Full PDB file with SEQRES, HELIX, SHEET, SSBOND, CRYST1, ORIGX, SCALE, CONECT and MASTER records, all heavy atoms in Angstrom:
SEQRES   1 A   29  ILE GLN PRO PRO ILE PHE VAL ILE PRO SER LEU SER ARG          
SEQRES   2 A   29  LEU LYS ASP LYS GLY ILE GLY LYS GLY LYS THR ARG GLU          
SEQRES   3 A   29  ASP HIS ALA                                                  
HELIX    1 AA1 LYS A   15  LYS A   17  5                                   3    
CRYST1    1.000    1.000    1.000  90.00  90.00  90.00 P 1           1          
ORIGX1      1.000000  0.000000  0.000000        0.00000                         
ORIGX2      0.000000  1.000000  0.000000        0.00000                         
ORIGX3      0.000000  0.000000  1.000000        0.00000                         
SCALE1      1.000000  0.000000  0.000000        0.00000                         
SCALE2      0.000000  1.000000  0.000000        0.00000                         
SCALE3      0.000000  0.000000  1.000000        0.00000                         
ATOM      1  N   ILE A   1     215.373 107.051 -67.131  1.00  0.00           N  
ATOM      2  CA  ILE A   1     216.690 107.433 -67.690  1.00  0.00           C  
ATOM      3  C   ILE A   1     217.791 106.930 -66.767  1.00  0.00           C  
ATOM      4  O   ILE A   1     217.754 107.157 -65.566  1.00  0.00           O  
ATOM      5  CB  ILE A   1     216.745 108.954 -67.906  1.00  0.00           C  
ATOM      6  CG1 ILE A   1     215.830 109.334 -69.071  1.00  0.00           C  
ATOM      7  CG2 ILE A   1     218.177 109.425 -68.144  1.00  0.00           C  
ATOM      8  CD1 ILE A   1     215.664 110.803 -69.300  1.00  0.00           C  
ATOM      9  N   GLN A   2     218.775 106.263 -67.364  1.00  0.00           N  
ATOM     10  CA  GLN A   2     219.893 105.705 -66.605  1.00  0.00           C  
ATOM     11  C   GLN A   2     221.221 106.152 -67.216  1.00  0.00           C  
ATOM     12  O   GLN A   2     221.431 105.936 -68.412  1.00  0.00           O  
ATOM     13  CB  GLN A   2     219.825 104.165 -66.652  1.00  0.00           C  
ATOM     14  CG  GLN A   2     218.555 103.579 -66.086  1.00  0.00           C  
ATOM     15  CD  GLN A   2     218.501 102.069 -66.251  1.00  0.00           C  
ATOM     16  OE1 GLN A   2     219.155 101.489 -67.121  1.00  0.00           O  
ATOM     17  NE2 GLN A   2     217.717 101.407 -65.427  1.00  0.00           N  
ATOM     18  N   PRO A   3     222.124 106.710 -66.456  1.00  0.00           N  
ATOM     19  CA  PRO A   3     221.980 107.203 -65.070  1.00  0.00           C  
ATOM     20  C   PRO A   3     221.225 108.534 -65.064  1.00  0.00           C  
ATOM     21  O   PRO A   3     221.375 109.335 -66.001  1.00  0.00           O  
ATOM     22  CB  PRO A   3     223.430 107.384 -64.631  1.00  0.00           C  
ATOM     23  CG  PRO A   3     224.174 107.691 -65.896  1.00  0.00           C  
ATOM     24  CD  PRO A   3     223.486 106.903 -66.984  1.00  0.00           C  
ATOM     25  N   PRO A   4     220.413 108.800 -64.024  1.00  0.00           N  
ATOM     26  CA  PRO A   4     219.584 110.012 -64.023  1.00  0.00           C  
ATOM     27  C   PRO A   4     220.328 111.260 -63.567  1.00  0.00           C  
ATOM     28  O   PRO A   4     219.970 111.897 -62.580  1.00  0.00           O  
ATOM     29  CB  PRO A   4     218.464 109.634 -63.052  1.00  0.00           C  
ATOM     30  CG  PRO A   4     219.117 108.718 -62.072  1.00  0.00           C  
ATOM     31  CD  PRO A   4     220.151 107.953 -62.851  1.00  0.00           C  
ATOM     32  N   ILE A   5     221.389 111.612 -64.296  1.00  0.00           N  
ATOM     33  CA  ILE A   5     222.207 112.778 -63.936  1.00  0.00           C  
ATOM     34  C   ILE A   5     221.588 114.039 -64.541  1.00  0.00           C  
ATOM     35  O   ILE A   5     221.390 114.117 -65.753  1.00  0.00           O  
ATOM     36  CB  ILE A   5     223.656 112.590 -64.412  1.00  0.00           C  
ATOM     37  CG1 ILE A   5     224.315 111.431 -63.657  1.00  0.00           C  
ATOM     38  CG2 ILE A   5     224.458 113.879 -64.215  1.00  0.00           C  
ATOM     39  CD1 ILE A   5     225.697 111.054 -64.160  1.00  0.00           C  
ATOM     40  N   PHE A   6     221.256 115.008 -63.705  1.00  0.00           N  
ATOM     41  CA  PHE A   6     220.643 116.255 -64.146  1.00  0.00           C  
ATOM     42  C   PHE A   6     221.745 117.275 -64.369  1.00  0.00           C  
ATOM     43  O   PHE A   6     222.359 117.769 -63.413  1.00  0.00           O  
ATOM     44  CB  PHE A   6     219.651 116.735 -63.079  1.00  0.00           C  
ATOM     45  CG  PHE A   6     218.773 117.882 -63.528  1.00  0.00           C  
ATOM     46  CD1 PHE A   6     218.612 118.210 -64.863  1.00  0.00           C  
ATOM     47  CD2 PHE A   6     218.107 118.664 -62.584  1.00  0.00           C  
ATOM     48  CE1 PHE A   6     217.791 119.265 -65.273  1.00  0.00           C  
ATOM     49  CE2 PHE A   6     217.295 119.712 -62.974  1.00  0.00           C  
ATOM     50  CZ  PHE A   6     217.144 120.022 -64.324  1.00  0.00           C  
ATOM     51  N   VAL A   7     222.011 117.602 -65.626  1.00  0.00           N  
ATOM     52  CA  VAL A   7     223.218 118.383 -65.945  1.00  0.00           C  
ATOM     53  C   VAL A   7     223.103 119.861 -65.597  1.00  0.00           C  
ATOM     54  O   VAL A   7     224.110 120.529 -65.378  1.00  0.00           O  
ATOM     55  CB  VAL A   7     223.606 118.210 -67.431  1.00  0.00           C  
ATOM     56  CG1 VAL A   7     223.908 116.772 -67.748  1.00  0.00           C  
ATOM     57  CG2 VAL A   7     222.549 118.766 -68.350  1.00  0.00           C  
ATOM     58  N   ILE A   8     221.876 120.416 -65.542  1.00  0.00           N  
ATOM     59  CA  ILE A   8     221.757 121.874 -65.349  1.00  0.00           C  
ATOM     60  C   ILE A   8     222.298 122.319 -63.983  1.00  0.00           C  
ATOM     61  O   ILE A   8     223.112 123.226 -63.914  1.00  0.00           O  
ATOM     62  CB  ILE A   8     220.317 122.344 -65.592  1.00  0.00           C  
ATOM     63  CG1 ILE A   8     220.009 122.228 -67.102  1.00  0.00           C  
ATOM     64  CG2 ILE A   8     220.120 123.785 -65.129  1.00  0.00           C  
ATOM     65  CD1 ILE A   8     218.614 122.598 -67.482  1.00  0.00           C  
ATOM     66  N   PRO A   9     221.891 121.705 -62.867  1.00  0.00           N  
ATOM     67  CA  PRO A   9     222.467 122.147 -61.586  1.00  0.00           C  
ATOM     68  C   PRO A   9     223.806 121.494 -61.275  1.00  0.00           C  
ATOM     69  O   PRO A   9     224.479 121.874 -60.309  1.00  0.00           O  
ATOM     70  CB  PRO A   9     221.411 121.707 -60.561  1.00  0.00           C  
ATOM     71  CG  PRO A   9     220.784 120.509 -61.149  1.00  0.00           C  
ATOM     72  CD  PRO A   9     220.833 120.697 -62.645  1.00  0.00           C  
ATOM     73  N   SER A  10     224.219 120.496 -62.064  1.00  0.00           N  
ATOM     74  CA  SER A  10     225.509 119.846 -61.835  1.00  0.00           C  
ATOM     75  C   SER A  10     226.629 120.786 -62.287  1.00  0.00           C  
ATOM     76  O   SER A  10     226.445 121.617 -63.162  1.00  0.00           O  
ATOM     77  CB  SER A  10     225.601 118.523 -62.592  1.00  0.00           C  
ATOM     78  OG  SER A  10     224.633 117.605 -62.120  1.00  0.00           O  
ATOM     79  N   LEU A  11     227.795 120.601 -61.657  1.00  0.00           N  
ATOM     80  CA  LEU A  11     228.891 121.528 -61.934  1.00  0.00           C  
ATOM     81  C   LEU A  11     230.226 120.883 -61.573  1.00  0.00           C  
ATOM     82  O   LEU A  11     230.341 120.232 -60.540  1.00  0.00           O  
ATOM     83  CB  LEU A  11     228.703 122.809 -61.104  1.00  0.00           C  
ATOM     84  CG  LEU A  11     229.872 123.803 -61.070  1.00  0.00           C  
ATOM     85  CD1 LEU A  11     230.035 124.468 -62.423  1.00  0.00           C  
ATOM     86  CD2 LEU A  11     229.652 124.849 -59.981  1.00  0.00           C  
ATOM     87  N   SER A  12     231.204 121.047 -62.446  1.00  0.00           N  
ATOM     88  CA  SER A  12     232.589 120.707 -62.096  1.00  0.00           C  
ATOM     89  C   SER A  12     233.411 121.977 -62.239  1.00  0.00           C  
ATOM     90  O   SER A  12     233.583 122.477 -63.360  1.00  0.00           O  
ATOM     91  CB  SER A  12     233.121 119.607 -63.020  1.00  0.00           C  
ATOM     92  OG  SER A  12     234.514 119.455 -62.829  1.00  0.00           O  
ATOM     93  N   ARG A  13     233.863 122.527 -61.133  1.00  0.00           N  
ATOM     94  CA  ARG A  13     234.542 123.819 -61.166  1.00  0.00           C  
ATOM     95  C   ARG A  13     235.897 123.759 -61.869  1.00  0.00           C  
ATOM     96  O   ARG A  13     236.453 124.787 -62.218  1.00  0.00           O  
ATOM     97  CB  ARG A  13     234.717 124.369 -59.751  1.00  0.00           C  
ATOM     98  CG  ARG A  13     233.397 124.735 -59.086  1.00  0.00           C  
ATOM     99  CD  ARG A  13     233.592 125.515 -57.797  1.00  0.00           C  
ATOM    100  NE  ARG A  13     232.314 125.822 -57.189  1.00  0.00           N  
ATOM    101  CZ  ARG A  13     231.765 125.122 -56.210  1.00  0.00           C  
ATOM    102  NH1 ARG A  13     232.419 124.092 -55.708  1.00  0.00           N  
ATOM    103  NH2 ARG A  13     230.602 125.447 -55.699  1.00  0.00           N  
ATOM    104  N   LEU A  14     236.447 122.547 -62.023  1.00  0.00           N  
ATOM    105  CA  LEU A  14     237.763 122.432 -62.645  1.00  0.00           C  
ATOM    106  C   LEU A  14     237.694 121.891 -64.074  1.00  0.00           C  
ATOM    107  O   LEU A  14     238.710 121.558 -64.671  1.00  0.00           O  
ATOM    108  CB  LEU A  14     238.661 121.507 -61.800  1.00  0.00           C  
ATOM    109  CG  LEU A  14     238.946 121.979 -60.375  1.00  0.00           C  
ATOM    110  CD1 LEU A  14     239.855 120.990 -59.677  1.00  0.00           C  
ATOM    111  CD2 LEU A  14     239.594 123.361 -60.363  1.00  0.00           C  
ATOM    112  N   LYS A  15     236.458 121.810 -64.624  1.00  0.00           N  
ATOM    113  CA  LYS A  15     236.309 121.166 -65.953  1.00  0.00           C  
ATOM    114  C   LYS A  15     237.136 121.871 -67.016  1.00  0.00           C  
ATOM    115  O   LYS A  15     237.680 121.224 -67.923  1.00  0.00           O  
ATOM    116  CB  LYS A  15     234.835 121.104 -66.351  1.00  0.00           C  
ATOM    117  CG  LYS A  15     234.175 122.447 -66.532  1.00  0.00           C  
ATOM    118  CD  LYS A  15     232.686 122.302 -66.738  1.00  0.00           C  
ATOM    119  CE  LYS A  15     231.999 123.666 -66.753  1.00  0.00           C  
ATOM    120  NZ  LYS A  15     230.545 123.554 -66.755  1.00  0.00           N  
ATOM    121  N   ASP A  16     237.240 123.209 -66.943  1.00  0.00           N  
ATOM    122  CA  ASP A  16     237.987 123.946 -67.974  1.00  0.00           C  
ATOM    123  C   ASP A  16     239.463 123.580 -67.985  1.00  0.00           C  
ATOM    124  O   ASP A  16     240.147 123.763 -68.993  1.00  0.00           O  
ATOM    125  CB  ASP A  16     237.841 125.454 -67.755  1.00  0.00           C  
ATOM    126  CG  ASP A  16     236.401 125.915 -67.936  1.00  0.00           C  
ATOM    127  OD1 ASP A  16     235.659 125.208 -68.640  1.00  0.00           O  
ATOM    128  OD2 ASP A  16     236.018 126.943 -67.361  1.00  0.00           O  
ATOM    129  N   LYS A  17     239.977 123.063 -66.846  1.00  0.00           N  
ATOM    130  CA  LYS A  17     241.403 122.748 -66.748  1.00  0.00           C  
ATOM    131  C   LYS A  17     241.747 121.406 -67.386  1.00  0.00           C  
ATOM    132  O   LYS A  17     242.906 121.133 -67.667  1.00  0.00           O  
ATOM    133  CB  LYS A  17     241.840 122.718 -65.275  1.00  0.00           C  
ATOM    134  CG  LYS A  17     241.437 123.958 -64.476  1.00  0.00           C  
ATOM    135  CD  LYS A  17     242.071 125.204 -65.036  1.00  0.00           C  
ATOM    136  CE  LYS A  17     241.605 126.450 -64.264  1.00  0.00           C  
ATOM    137  NZ  LYS A  17     242.078 127.687 -64.896  1.00  0.00           N  
ATOM    138  N   GLY A  18     240.729 120.543 -67.586  1.00  0.00           N  
ATOM    139  CA  GLY A  18     241.027 119.204 -68.071  1.00  0.00           C  
ATOM    140  C   GLY A  18     240.587 118.922 -69.479  1.00  0.00           C  
ATOM    141  O   GLY A  18     240.602 117.770 -69.905  1.00  0.00           O  
ATOM    142  N   ILE A  19     240.146 119.964 -70.207  1.00  0.00           N  
ATOM    143  CA  ILE A  19     239.625 119.713 -71.561  1.00  0.00           C  
ATOM    144  C   ILE A  19     240.375 120.579 -72.578  1.00  0.00           C  
ATOM    145  O   ILE A  19     241.143 121.466 -72.219  1.00  0.00           O  
ATOM    146  CB  ILE A  19     238.106 120.010 -71.639  1.00  0.00           C  
ATOM    147  CG1 ILE A  19     237.825 121.495 -71.337  1.00  0.00           C  
ATOM    148  CG2 ILE A  19     237.343 119.125 -70.688  1.00  0.00           C  
ATOM    149  CD1 ILE A  19     236.362 121.891 -71.512  1.00  0.00           C  
ATOM    150  N   GLY A  20     240.126 120.306 -73.867  1.00  0.00           N  
ATOM    151  CA  GLY A  20     240.732 121.096 -74.926  1.00  0.00           C  
ATOM    152  C   GLY A  20     241.757 120.295 -75.699  1.00  0.00           C  
ATOM    153  O   GLY A  20     241.943 119.092 -75.502  1.00  0.00           O  
ATOM    154  N   LYS A  21     242.417 120.971 -76.606  1.00  0.00           N  
ATOM    155  CA  LYS A  21     243.388 120.328 -77.498  1.00  0.00           C  
ATOM    156  C   LYS A  21     244.518 119.711 -76.682  1.00  0.00           C  
ATOM    157  O   LYS A  21     245.052 120.326 -75.761  1.00  0.00           O  
ATOM    158  CB  LYS A  21     243.949 121.377 -78.459  1.00  0.00           C  
ATOM    159  CG  LYS A  21     244.718 120.794 -79.619  1.00  0.00           C  
ATOM    160  CD  LYS A  21     245.068 121.853 -80.638  1.00  0.00           C  
ATOM    161  CE  LYS A  21     245.751 121.244 -81.853  1.00  0.00           C  
ATOM    162  NZ  LYS A  21     246.074 122.247 -82.872  1.00  0.00           N  
ATOM    163  N   GLY A  22     244.851 118.458 -77.006  1.00  0.00           N  
ATOM    164  CA  GLY A  22     245.925 117.770 -76.290  1.00  0.00           C  
ATOM    165  C   GLY A  22     245.437 117.031 -75.059  1.00  0.00           C  
ATOM    166  O   GLY A  22     246.168 116.204 -74.510  1.00  0.00           O  
ATOM    167  N   LYS A  23     244.218 117.355 -74.619  1.00  0.00           N  
ATOM    168  CA  LYS A  23     243.660 116.661 -73.446  1.00  0.00           C  
ATOM    169  C   LYS A  23     242.439 115.850 -73.850  1.00  0.00           C  
ATOM    170  O   LYS A  23     242.355 114.660 -73.592  1.00  0.00           O  
ATOM    171  CB  LYS A  23     243.310 117.664 -72.356  1.00  0.00           C  
ATOM    172  CG  LYS A  23     244.554 118.345 -71.778  1.00  0.00           C  
ATOM    173  CD  LYS A  23     244.191 119.337 -70.688  1.00  0.00           C  
ATOM    174  CE  LYS A  23     245.452 119.984 -70.140  1.00  0.00           C  
ATOM    175  NZ  LYS A  23     245.160 120.999 -69.101  1.00  0.00           N  
ATOM    176  N   THR A  24     241.452 116.514 -74.458  1.00  0.00           N  
ATOM    177  CA  THR A  24     240.293 115.807 -74.996  1.00  0.00           C  
ATOM    178  C   THR A  24     240.222 116.085 -76.496  1.00  0.00           C  
ATOM    179  O   THR A  24     240.741 115.342 -77.294  1.00  0.00           O  
ATOM    180  CB  THR A  24     238.999 116.226 -74.265  1.00  0.00           C  
ATOM    181  OG1 THR A  24     238.856 117.652 -74.315  1.00  0.00           O  
ATOM    182  CG2 THR A  24     239.018 115.766 -72.817  1.00  0.00           C  
ATOM    183  N   ARG A  25     239.637 117.244 -76.871  1.00  0.00           N  
ATOM    184  CA  ARG A  25     239.618 117.661 -78.266  1.00  0.00           C  
ATOM    185  C   ARG A  25     239.356 119.159 -78.312  1.00  0.00           C  
ATOM    186  O   ARG A  25     238.745 119.725 -77.399  1.00  0.00           O  
ATOM    187  CB  ARG A  25     238.540 116.883 -79.035  1.00  0.00           C  
ATOM    188  CG  ARG A  25     238.806 116.836 -80.556  1.00  0.00           C  
ATOM    189  CD  ARG A  25     237.935 115.815 -81.251  1.00  0.00           C  
ATOM    190  NE  ARG A  25     236.526 116.219 -81.335  1.00  0.00           N  
ATOM    191  CZ  ARG A  25     235.555 115.441 -81.827  1.00  0.00           C  
ATOM    192  NH1 ARG A  25     235.830 114.215 -82.240  1.00  0.00           N  
ATOM    193  NH2 ARG A  25     234.312 115.885 -81.863  1.00  0.00           N  
ATOM    194  N   GLU A  26     239.791 119.806 -79.374  1.00  0.00           N  
ATOM    195  CA  GLU A  26     239.742 121.263 -79.457  1.00  0.00           C  
ATOM    196  C   GLU A  26     238.337 121.840 -79.323  1.00  0.00           C  
ATOM    197  O   GLU A  26     238.146 122.947 -78.801  1.00  0.00           O  
ATOM    198  CB  GLU A  26     240.356 121.729 -80.790  1.00  0.00           C  
ATOM    199  CG  GLU A  26     239.647 121.109 -82.007  1.00  0.00           C  
ATOM    200  CD  GLU A  26     240.306 121.404 -83.329  1.00  0.00           C  
ATOM    201  OE1 GLU A  26     241.312 122.128 -83.328  1.00  0.00           O  
ATOM    202  OE2 GLU A  26     239.793 120.916 -84.362  1.00  0.00           O  
ATOM    203  N   ASP A  27     237.325 121.083 -79.777  1.00  0.00           N  
ATOM    204  CA  ASP A  27     235.960 121.616 -79.786  1.00  0.00           C  
ATOM    205  C   ASP A  27     235.199 121.357 -78.489  1.00  0.00           C  
ATOM    206  O   ASP A  27     234.029 121.736 -78.369  1.00  0.00           O  
ATOM    207  CB  ASP A  27     235.175 120.964 -80.948  1.00  0.00           C  
ATOM    208  CG  ASP A  27     235.151 119.437 -80.824  1.00  0.00           C  
ATOM    209  OD1 ASP A  27     236.225 118.851 -80.595  1.00  0.00           O  
ATOM    210  OD2 ASP A  27     234.067 118.831 -80.940  1.00  0.00           O  
ATOM    211  N   HIS A  28     235.855 120.745 -77.504  1.00  0.00           N  
ATOM    212  CA  HIS A  28     235.164 120.317 -76.289  1.00  0.00           C  
ATOM    213  C   HIS A  28     234.497 121.479 -75.548  1.00  0.00           C  
ATOM    214  O   HIS A  28     233.303 121.416 -75.216  1.00  0.00           O  
ATOM    215  CB  HIS A  28     236.133 119.575 -75.355  1.00  0.00           C  
ATOM    216  CG  HIS A  28     235.455 118.838 -74.233  1.00  0.00           C  
ATOM    217  ND1 HIS A  28     236.035 117.793 -73.579  1.00  0.00           N  
ATOM    218  CD2 HIS A  28     234.255 119.021 -73.648  1.00  0.00           C  
ATOM    219  CE1 HIS A  28     235.201 117.341 -72.630  1.00  0.00           C  
ATOM    220  NE2 HIS A  28     234.116 118.082 -72.654  1.00  0.00           N  
ATOM    221  N   ALA A  29     235.236 122.535 -75.277  1.00  0.00           N  
ATOM    222  CA  ALA A  29     234.703 123.660 -74.483  1.00  0.00           C  
ATOM    223  C   ALA A  29     233.503 124.294 -75.182  1.00  0.00           C  
ATOM    224  O   ALA A  29     232.474 124.583 -74.546  1.00  0.00           O  
ATOM    225  CB  ALA A  29     235.785 124.688 -74.220  1.00  0.00           C  
TER     226      ALA A  29                                                      
MASTER        0    0    0    1    0    0    0    6  225    1    0    3          
END                                                                             
């Protein structure tokens, strides 16, 4: 698998601040 990113232990603590309506899309979160 390329890239072999394992999403379960991965984390972005600021992800909630950069998503949603007007930034990405309303259904993102």
